[in-house]
């Protein structure tokens, strides 16, 4: 019995040591990549991306004493797969002073979220910045996706924070959902509606801003 306990104890000790070695190997394997990401963020004083009219504007500032060669700008629609959309060649940064760089994405991903990151030479990749680029139609609003499976978003100009009302009715004219906001968007979730076609009316006070039909799949 005692011999069996010693055997079991030795076995569990062996398994524990192997598990420790495996975890250590994984940490060592990914440590260079983690370190490079931290280094890239560390050498930047500022980094932001924002929609400006029909473009997405990026600006970043490298701290004094940090230099690298070549800066690549990359963009992703899903935050996983990136494509290179720009290159600022040559030396980036300065050993003596802060240096600010700018880049404009003149062909952004329209009416969807995009992720932007920088590759700062041997410093590696920065943490991505997320931008939702919205382009309104001729009536100054955006509605999509339509038909929708998860949600449909209505976005519009409302710089003065006015009160907007949203009314959704079924095809029989019965009200199924009513919402109010002083922001510039509504988000209608699929779980709040049965499958079917609905009439949507957006109003500002007594004025009808627009009418649309939406389809919940």
Protein backbone atom coordinates (compact mmCIF):
# COMPACT_ATOMS: atom_id res chain seq x y z
CA UNK A 1 0.00 0.00 0.00
CA UNK A 2 2.80 2.37 0.96
CA UNK A 3 4.66 1.47 -2.20
CA UNK A 4 1.57 2.25 -4.30
CA UNK A 5 1.20 5.67 -2.64
CA UNK A 6 4.83 6.49 -3.38
CA UNK A 7 4.33 5.45 -7.00
CA UNK A 8 1.22 7.64 -7.34
CA UNK A 9 2.99 10.57 -5.67
CA UNK A 10 5.95 10.25 -8.03
CA UNK A 11 3.60 10.15 -11.01
CA UNK A 12 1.75 13.30 -9.98
CA UNK A 13 5.02 15.08 -9.29
CA UNK A 14 6.20 14.15 -12.76
CA UNK A 15 2.98 15.43 -14.34
CA UNK A 16 3.24 18.70 -12.37
CA UNK A 17 6.85 19.26 -13.47
CA UNK A 18 5.97 18.58 -17.12
CA UNK A 19 3.09 21.04 -16.88
CA UNK A 20 5.41 23.68 -15.45
CA UNK A 21 7.89 23.12 -18.29
CA UNK A 22 5.12 23.40 -20.88
CA UNK A 23 3.83 26.68 -19.44
CA UNK A 24 7.37 28.06 -19.28
CA UNK A 25 8.00 27.08 -22.91
CA UNK A 26 4.81 28.87 -24.01
CA UNK A 27 5.78 32.02 -22.10
CA UNK A 28 9.27 32.00 -23.61
CA UNK A 29 7.83 31.47 -27.09
CA UNK A 30 5.47 34.45 -26.94
CA UNK A 31 7.57 36.76 -24.78
CA UNK A 32 9.34 38.47 -27.71
CA UNK A 33 6.02 39.39 -29.32
CA UNK A 34 4.51 40.68 -26.07
CA UNK A 35 7.64 42.71 -25.36
CA UNK A 36 7.64 44.28 -28.83
CA UNK A 37 4.01 45.35 -28.50
CA UNK A 38 4.78 46.94 -25.13
CA UNK A 39 7.84 48.66 -26.58
CA UNK A 40 5.86 50.11 -29.51
CA UNK A 41 3.25 51.63 -27.19
CA UNK A 42 5.91 52.83 -24.76
CA UNK A 43 7.75 55.01 -27.32
CA UNK A 44 4.55 56.84 -28.32
CA UNK A 45 3.33 59.84 -26.36
CA UNK A 46 0.09 60.05 -28.37
CA UNK A 47 -1.67 57.97 -31.01
CA UNK A 48 -5.23 58.51 -32.22
CA UNK A 49 -7.43 57.90 -35.24
CA UNK A 50 -10.61 59.83 -36.03
CA UNK A 51 -13.04 60.38 -38.90
CA UNK A 52 -12.57 63.76 -40.60
CA UNK A 53 -15.14 64.39 -43.32
CA UNK A 54 -14.66 61.61 -45.89
CA UNK A 55 -11.35 60.33 -44.49
CA UNK A 56 -9.83 58.78 -41.37
CA UNK A 57 -7.04 60.88 -39.92
CA UNK A 58 -4.21 59.34 -37.83
CA UNK A 59 -1.67 61.23 -35.73
CA UNK A 60 1.02 59.93 -33.40
CA UNK A 61 3.92 61.45 -31.49
CA UNK A 62 7.15 59.61 -30.77
CA UNK A 63 8.93 60.48 -27.54
CA UNK A 64 12.38 62.06 -27.58
CA UNK A 65 15.14 59.47 -27.62
CA UNK A 66 13.15 56.91 -29.60
CA UNK A 67 14.04 56.20 -33.21
CA UNK A 68 13.35 53.46 -35.73
CA UNK A 69 13.42 52.96 -39.48
CA UNK A 70 10.20 52.98 -41.56
CA UNK A 71 6.67 53.19 -40.19
CA UNK A 72 3.90 51.08 -41.71
CA UNK A 73 0.20 51.88 -41.27
CA UNK A 74 -2.10 48.86 -41.26
CA UNK A 75 -5.90 48.52 -41.25
CA UNK A 76 -8.26 45.66 -40.41
CA UNK A 77 -12.02 45.14 -40.70
CA UNK A 78 -12.13 42.38 -38.06
CA UNK A 79 -9.21 43.19 -35.77
CA UNK A 80 -7.46 39.98 -36.83
CA UNK A 81 -6.37 40.22 -40.47
CA UNK A 82 -4.54 43.44 -41.35
CA UNK A 83 -3.51 45.01 -44.66
CA UNK A 84 -0.82 47.62 -45.14
CA UNK A 85 -2.27 50.88 -46.44
CA UNK A 86 0.62 53.26 -45.94
CA UNK A 87 4.35 53.71 -45.45
CA UNK A 88 6.28 56.61 -43.98
CA UNK A 89 9.79 55.75 -45.04
CA UNK A 90 13.05 56.68 -43.39
CA UNK A 91 13.92 57.45 -39.79
CA UNK A 92 10.99 57.80 -37.41
CA UNK A 93 11.47 59.77 -34.23
CA UNK A 94 14.47 61.74 -32.95
CA UNK A 95 17.11 61.24 -30.28
CA UNK A 96 16.65 64.88 -29.16
CA UNK A 97 12.97 65.89 -29.41
CA UNK A 98 9.41 64.67 -29.81
CA UNK A 99 8.34 64.16 -33.43
CA UNK A 100 4.71 64.07 -34.62
CA UNK A 101 3.60 62.15 -37.70
CA UNK A 102 0.31 62.15 -39.62
CA UNK A 103 -1.40 59.83 -42.07
CA UNK A 104 -4.75 60.11 -43.88
CA UNK A 105 -6.73 57.09 -45.02
CA UNK A 106 -8.52 58.59 -48.04
CA UNK A 107 -10.33 55.33 -48.88
CA UNK A 108 -11.68 54.18 -45.50
CA UNK A 109 -14.03 51.28 -44.84
CA UNK A 110 -17.46 52.88 -45.17
CA UNK A 111 -20.20 52.43 -42.54
CA UNK A 112 -18.26 49.91 -40.52
CA UNK A 113 -15.66 49.66 -37.78
CA UNK A 114 -11.98 49.66 -38.76
CA UNK A 115 -8.90 48.94 -36.65
CA UNK A 116 -5.65 50.85 -37.27
CA UNK A 117 -2.20 49.97 -35.99
CA UNK A 118 1.39 51.07 -36.63
CA UNK A 119 4.49 48.99 -37.20
CA UNK A 120 7.34 51.07 -35.79
CA UNK A 121 10.41 49.32 -37.15
CA UNK A 122 12.02 46.97 -34.64
CA UNK A 123 9.72 48.29 -31.86
CA UNK A 124 6.94 46.21 -33.37
CA UNK A 125 3.19 46.84 -33.51
CA UNK A 126 1.20 49.35 -31.50
CA UNK A 127 -2.11 48.57 -29.83
CA UNK A 128 -4.83 49.15 -32.49
CA UNK A 129 -7.09 52.22 -32.50
CA UNK A 130 -10.72 51.65 -33.49
CA UNK A 131 -12.73 54.02 -35.69
CA UNK A 132 -16.29 53.70 -36.98
CA UNK A 133 -16.54 55.57 -40.28
CA UNK A 134 -20.12 56.66 -40.99
CA UNK A 135 -21.25 58.11 -44.31
CA UNK A 136 -24.77 59.56 -44.39
CA UNK A 137 -26.98 59.39 -47.46
CA UNK A 138 -28.45 62.42 -49.27
CA UNK A 139 -31.10 62.71 -46.53
CA UNK A 140 -28.35 62.94 -43.88
CA UNK A 141 -28.84 59.60 -42.18
CA UNK A 142 -27.49 56.05 -42.24
CA UNK A 143 -29.50 52.86 -41.74
CA UNK A 144 -27.96 49.41 -41.81
CA UNK A 145 -27.54 46.59 -42.09
CA UNK A 146 -30.94 45.98 -43.62
CA UNK A 147 -32.17 43.19 -43.65
CA UNK A 148 -30.52 42.37 -40.30
CA UNK A 149 -29.86 39.32 -38.12
CA UNK A 150 -28.40 40.84 -34.93
CA UNK A 151 -29.15 44.56 -34.97
CA UNK A 152 -29.89 47.51 -37.25
CA UNK A 153 -28.35 50.94 -36.56
CA UNK A 154 -29.82 54.33 -37.42
CA UNK A 155 -27.34 57.23 -37.30
CA UNK A 156 -28.01 60.89 -38.09
CA UNK A 157 -26.77 64.43 -37.47
CA UNK A 158 -27.70 65.78 -34.04
CA UNK A 159 -25.00 68.27 -33.03
CA UNK A 160 -27.41 70.28 -30.86
CA UNK A 161 -28.54 67.22 -28.84
CA UNK A 162 -32.18 67.61 -29.87
CA UNK A 163 -34.78 65.02 -28.88
CA UNK A 164 -35.56 62.41 -31.54
CA UNK A 165 -38.32 59.80 -31.36
CA UNK A 166 -38.29 56.47 -33.18
CA UNK A 167 -41.54 54.58 -33.83
CA UNK A 168 -41.61 51.04 -35.23
CA UNK A 169 -44.87 49.43 -36.38
CA UNK A 170 -45.72 46.11 -37.99
CA UNK A 171 -47.38 45.86 -41.40
CA UNK A 172 -50.81 46.02 -39.73
CA UNK A 173 -49.96 49.45 -38.33
CA UNK A 174 -49.65 48.27 -34.73
CA UNK A 175 -46.86 49.90 -32.69
CA UNK A 176 -44.30 47.34 -31.53
CA UNK A 177 -41.43 49.54 -30.35
CA UNK A 178 -40.89 53.19 -29.41
CA UNK A 179 -37.59 54.83 -28.46
CA UNK A 180 -36.23 58.29 -27.67
CA UNK A 181 -32.71 59.76 -27.69
CA UNK A 182 -30.81 63.04 -27.57
CA UNK A 183 -27.72 61.41 -29.10
CA UNK A 184 -27.22 60.76 -32.81
CA UNK A 185 -28.20 57.11 -33.15
CA UNK A 186 -30.60 54.30 -32.36
CA UNK A 187 -29.69 50.62 -32.10
CA UNK A 188 -32.54 48.15 -32.68
CA UNK A 189 -31.75 44.63 -31.53
CA UNK A 190 -33.11 41.60 -33.31
CA UNK A 191 -34.20 40.05 -30.01
CA UNK A 192 -36.71 42.90 -29.56
CA UNK A 193 -38.57 42.08 -32.79
CA UNK A 194 -40.12 39.03 -34.35
CA UNK A 195 -39.05 38.02 -37.85
CA UNK A 196 -40.79 40.16 -40.44
CA UNK A 197 -41.04 43.55 -42.13
CA UNK A 198 -41.60 46.73 -40.13
CA UNK A 199 -42.30 50.39 -40.78
CA UNK A 200 -39.87 52.80 -39.15
CA UNK A 201 -40.50 56.51 -38.57
CA UNK A 202 -37.95 58.93 -37.09
CA UNK A 203 -39.41 62.18 -35.76
CA UNK A 204 -38.02 65.38 -34.30
CA UNK A 205 -40.83 66.99 -32.31
CA UNK A 206 -43.80 66.85 -34.73
CA UNK A 207 -41.61 66.81 -37.84
CA UNK A 208 -40.99 63.48 -39.60
CA UNK A 209 -37.28 63.18 -40.30
CA UNK A 210 -37.58 60.05 -42.47
CA UNK A 211 -39.58 56.88 -43.07
CA UNK A 212 -38.08 53.49 -43.90
CA UNK A 213 -38.88 49.80 -43.92
CA UNK A 214 -36.66 47.34 -42.09
CA UNK A 215 -36.57 43.55 -42.32
CA UNK A 216 -35.75 41.37 -39.33
CA UNK A 217 -34.52 37.93 -40.43
